[in-house]
Amino acid sequence: MSAEEAWNIWAPHAYDLLVEVAGRYHAVITYGEVGKEVQDRSGVRTSALLQNWAGSCAADIARVTHR
């Protein structure tokens, strides 16, 4: 699977997760927690360092929220 295909799979899961966190009073989540949870929810895993793919996934989330 290409990195772009993975980002497209992760983005909706990350969006849903961030909406859940935002709905809880004073809730916060770290990039690391988002990365782990997105991989757990999607079943798509990577051994790449988080900083090497999180930005691209965040860009996909921005596109999802814009729609």
Protein backbone atom coordinates (compact mmCIF):
# COMPACT_ATOMS: atom_id res chain seq x y z
CA MET A 1 0.00 0.00 0.00
CA SER A 2 1.33 3.44 -0.84
CA ALA A 3 1.74 6.15 1.76
CA GLU A 4 -0.96 8.20 0.02
CA GLU A 5 -3.42 5.30 0.19
CA ALA A 6 -2.71 4.94 3.91
CA TRP A 7 -3.22 8.67 4.50
CA ASN A 8 -6.57 8.48 2.72
CA ILE A 9 -7.60 5.63 5.01
CA TRP A 10 -6.29 7.27 8.18
CA ALA A 11 -7.78 10.74 7.60
CA PRO A 12 -11.46 9.85 8.25
CA HIS A 13 -10.49 7.86 11.34
CA ALA A 14 -8.39 10.76 12.63
CA TYR A 15 -11.21 13.21 11.93
CA ASP A 16 -13.71 11.07 13.88
CA LEU A 17 -11.25 10.74 16.75
CA LEU A 18 -10.60 14.48 16.90
CA VAL A 19 -14.33 15.21 16.87
CA GLU A 20 -14.78 12.77 19.78
CA VAL A 21 -11.99 14.42 21.77
CA ALA A 22 -13.28 17.91 21.00
CA GLY A 23 -16.68 16.89 22.35
CA ARG A 24 -15.29 16.15 25.80
CA TYR A 25 -14.80 18.97 28.28
CA HIS A 26 -11.10 19.91 28.65
CA ALA A 27 -10.03 16.87 26.63
CA VAL A 28 -6.65 16.80 24.93
CA ILE A 29 -4.86 14.23 22.81
CA THR A 30 -1.24 14.05 21.72
CA TYR A 31 0.06 13.40 18.21
CA GLY A 32 1.36 10.06 19.46
CA GLU A 33 -2.04 9.07 20.81
CA VAL A 34 -3.72 10.10 17.56
CA GLY A 35 -1.20 8.11 15.54
CA LYS A 36 -1.68 4.96 17.62
CA GLU A 37 -5.46 5.23 17.70
CA VAL A 38 -5.76 5.91 13.96
CA GLN A 39 -3.68 2.83 13.18
CA ASP A 40 -5.71 0.75 15.67
CA ARG A 41 -9.06 1.89 14.24
CA SER A 42 -8.09 1.49 10.60
CA GLY A 43 -6.03 -1.67 10.89
CA VAL A 44 -3.46 0.01 8.62
CA ARG A 45 -0.07 0.14 10.29
CA THR A 46 3.24 1.79 9.52
CA SER A 47 6.70 1.49 10.95
CA ALA A 48 7.52 5.01 9.76
CA LEU A 49 8.19 7.62 12.42
CA LEU A 50 5.10 9.63 13.33
CA GLN A 51 6.67 12.92 12.28
CA ASN A 52 7.20 11.46 8.79
CA TRP A 53 3.51 10.86 8.12
CA ALA A 54 1.39 12.84 10.59
CA GLY A 55 1.60 16.07 8.59
CA SER A 56 0.30 14.43 5.43
CA CYS A 57 -2.51 12.82 7.37
CA ALA A 58 -3.35 16.21 8.92
CA ALA A 59 -3.54 17.73 5.43
CA ASP A 60 -6.07 15.04 4.48
CA ILE A 61 -8.07 15.82 7.62
CA ALA A 62 -8.15 19.48 6.59
CA ARG A 63 -9.55 18.45 3.19
CA VAL A 64 -12.18 16.25 4.88
CA THR A 65 -13.29 19.05 7.20
CA HIS A 66 -13.38 21.55 4.35
CA ARG A 67 -15.93 19.37 2.54
